[in-house]
Amino acid sequence: MHYILKLRMQLGKAMLSCLMLAIECEGKNILTIEGMANQETGQLHPIREAFVKYSGMQCGMCTPGMIVSAKALLDENPNPTEDDVREALAGNLCRCCNYKRITECVLAAAQTGKVITESLAEAAGKAVLSEATPPSKNTY
């Protein structure tokens, strides 16, 4: 229950999980932060890798929503501007005020050229519908 306001991807669109009834999800493919990694190898999705590499998280409270929102943006626009990123992430609140680094992480993920639909399908494996787990330790 740590990430109540996280976003879920539904039909390629980011949705606020706090505003979705469970019955609305029945029979739909749902992607959460847990699904953005290869379930067999543990390899993180390129967006998650960028957040780790460039310190895009501090307390971790906003991270799932930011990453899923970034994924929705990069699916629609693989070459966003800084303003595009800010607009796409505008609904997510960061209590640590880490917006500059978060924006840089999304732009870095876009520049890697790895964020394409095929890599997402490969990295995600099966869609996951579950609660996010809090980080086990602060690695920064």
Protein backbone atom coordinates (compact mmCIF):
# COMPACT_ATOMS: atom_id res chain seq x y z
CA MET A 1 0.00 0.00 0.00
CA HIS A 2 3.04 2.28 -0.17
CA TYR A 3 2.32 3.51 -3.69
CA ILE A 4 -1.40 4.22 -3.70
CA LEU A 5 -1.18 6.86 -6.42
CA LYS A 6 0.90 4.84 -8.88
CA LEU A 7 -0.11 4.69 -12.51
CA ARG A 8 -1.02 1.67 -14.53
CA MET A 9 -0.87 1.29 -18.27
CA GLN A 10 -4.16 0.22 -19.80
CA LEU A 11 -4.56 -0.09 -23.55
CA GLY A 12 -1.40 1.94 -24.03
CA LYS A 13 -2.60 4.81 -21.87
CA ALA A 14 -1.47 5.75 -18.36
CA MET A 15 -4.34 5.54 -15.87
CA LEU A 16 -4.52 6.65 -12.24
CA SER A 17 -4.89 3.46 -10.24
CA CYS A 18 -6.60 5.33 -7.40
CA LEU A 19 -9.46 6.26 -9.74
CA MET A 20 -9.95 2.82 -11.32
CA LEU A 21 -12.39 0.29 -9.98
CA ALA A 22 -11.11 -3.28 -9.97
CA ILE A 23 -14.04 -4.37 -12.14
CA GLU A 24 -12.88 -1.92 -14.84
CA CYS A 25 -9.62 -3.87 -15.09
CA GLU A 26 -11.22 -7.27 -15.63
CA GLY A 27 -9.94 -8.91 -18.80
CA LYS A 28 -7.57 -6.04 -19.60
CA ASN A 29 -3.82 -6.08 -19.97
CA ILE A 30 -2.41 -4.03 -17.07
CA LEU A 31 1.21 -2.92 -16.80
CA THR A 32 2.62 -1.67 -13.50
CA ILE A 33 6.18 -0.89 -12.47
CA GLU A 34 6.77 -4.56 -11.60
CA GLY A 35 6.05 -5.55 -15.19
CA MET A 36 8.76 -3.27 -16.52
CA ALA A 37 11.50 -5.86 -16.05
CA ASN A 38 12.19 -9.25 -17.54
CA GLN A 39 10.55 -11.62 -15.08
CA GLU A 40 13.05 -14.41 -15.83
CA THR A 41 16.36 -12.51 -15.88
CA GLY A 42 15.52 -9.51 -13.72
CA GLN A 43 16.83 -7.14 -16.42
CA LEU A 44 15.20 -3.76 -15.89
CA HIS A 45 13.38 -1.84 -18.61
CA PRO A 46 15.62 0.92 -20.08
CA ILE A 47 13.59 3.63 -18.35
CA ARG A 48 14.08 1.98 -14.96
CA GLU A 49 17.79 1.57 -15.75
CA ALA A 50 18.04 5.32 -16.48
CA PHE A 51 16.39 6.16 -13.14
CA VAL A 52 18.96 4.01 -11.33
CA LYS A 53 21.97 5.18 -13.36
CA TYR A 54 21.15 8.90 -13.12
CA SER A 55 19.73 8.98 -9.56
CA GLY A 56 16.18 9.75 -10.59
CA MET A 57 14.73 8.74 -7.26
CA GLN A 58 15.30 9.71 -3.68
CA CYS A 59 12.62 8.44 -1.31
CA GLY A 60 10.99 6.30 -4.03
CA MET A 61 7.42 7.39 -3.31
CA CYS A 62 6.79 8.95 -6.74
CA THR A 63 9.05 6.63 -8.76
CA PRO A 64 6.49 4.07 -10.01
CA GLY A 65 4.15 6.78 -11.29
CA MET A 66 6.98 8.75 -12.86
CA ILE A 67 8.40 5.69 -14.66
CA VAL A 68 5.04 4.46 -15.96
CA SER A 69 4.17 8.01 -17.09
CA ALA A 70 7.54 8.26 -18.82
CA LYS A 71 6.89 4.96 -20.57
CA ALA A 72 3.53 6.22 -21.84
CA LEU A 73 5.22 9.38 -23.12
CA LEU A 74 8.07 7.55 -24.85
CA ASP A 75 5.66 5.11 -26.49
CA GLU A 76 3.91 8.07 -28.12
CA ASN A 77 6.94 10.31 -28.59
CA PRO A 78 10.34 8.58 -28.60
CA ASN A 79 12.16 11.93 -28.98
CA PRO A 80 10.55 14.26 -26.45
CA THR A 81 11.72 17.74 -25.56
CA GLU A 82 12.24 18.79 -21.96
CA ASP A 83 8.86 20.54 -22.09
CA ASP A 84 7.19 17.35 -23.37
CA VAL A 85 8.62 15.41 -20.43
CA ARG A 86 7.50 18.03 -17.92
CA GLU A 87 3.98 18.02 -19.35
CA ALA A 88 3.77 14.21 -19.34
CA LEU A 89 4.92 14.02 -15.71
CA ALA A 90 2.86 16.99 -14.50
CA GLY A 91 0.30 14.85 -12.66
CA ASN A 92 2.95 13.15 -10.50
CA LEU A 93 4.08 14.82 -7.31
CA CYS A 94 7.61 14.36 -6.01
CA ARG A 95 7.88 15.11 -2.29
CA CYS A 96 11.67 15.41 -2.60
CA CYS A 97 11.43 17.98 -5.43
CA ASN A 98 13.65 15.87 -7.66
CA TYR A 99 11.96 17.02 -10.90
CA LYS A 100 15.15 18.12 -12.66
CA ARG A 101 16.84 14.72 -12.27
CA ILE A 102 13.64 12.86 -13.14
CA THR A 103 13.32 14.88 -16.35
CA GLU A 104 16.98 14.19 -17.15
CA CYS A 105 16.42 10.45 -16.62
CA VAL A 106 13.51 10.36 -19.06
CA LEU A 107 15.50 12.29 -21.66
CA ALA A 108 18.47 9.93 -21.14
CA ALA A 109 16.24 6.88 -21.60
CA ALA A 110 14.89 8.38 -24.82
CA GLN A 111 18.41 9.02 -26.11
CA THR A 112 19.53 5.44 -25.60
CA GLY A 113 17.34 4.41 -28.49
CA LYS A 114 16.30 1.33 -26.50
CA VAL A 115 12.82 2.52 -25.64
CA ILE A 116 10.78 0.97 -28.42
CA THR A 117 7.64 -1.08 -28.35
CA GLU A 118 9.48 -4.33 -29.12
CA SER A 119 11.88 -3.95 -26.20
CA LEU A 120 9.00 -3.16 -23.89
CA ALA A 121 7.17 -6.32 -24.88
CA GLU A 122 10.35 -8.33 -24.37
CA ALA A 123 11.22 -6.66 -21.05
CA ALA A 124 7.73 -6.73 -19.63
CA GLY A 125 7.07 -10.42 -20.13
CA LYS A 126 3.60 -10.88 -18.68
CA ALA A 127 1.54 -7.97 -17.41
CA VAL A 128 1.57 -7.71 -13.64
CA LEU A 129 -1.26 -6.43 -11.48
CA SER A 130 0.07 -6.10 -7.94
CA GLU A 131 1.18 -3.60 -5.34
CA ALA A 132 4.59 -2.03 -5.71
CA THR A 133 7.20 -3.09 -3.22
CA PRO A 134 9.14 -0.37 -1.46
CA PRO A 135 12.87 -0.17 -2.10
CA SER A 136 14.81 -2.45 0.24
CA LYS A 137 17.63 0.01 0.74
CA ASN A 138 18.82 3.39 -0.42
CA THR A 139 21.56 2.82 -2.98
CA TYR A 140 22.52 6.45 -3.41
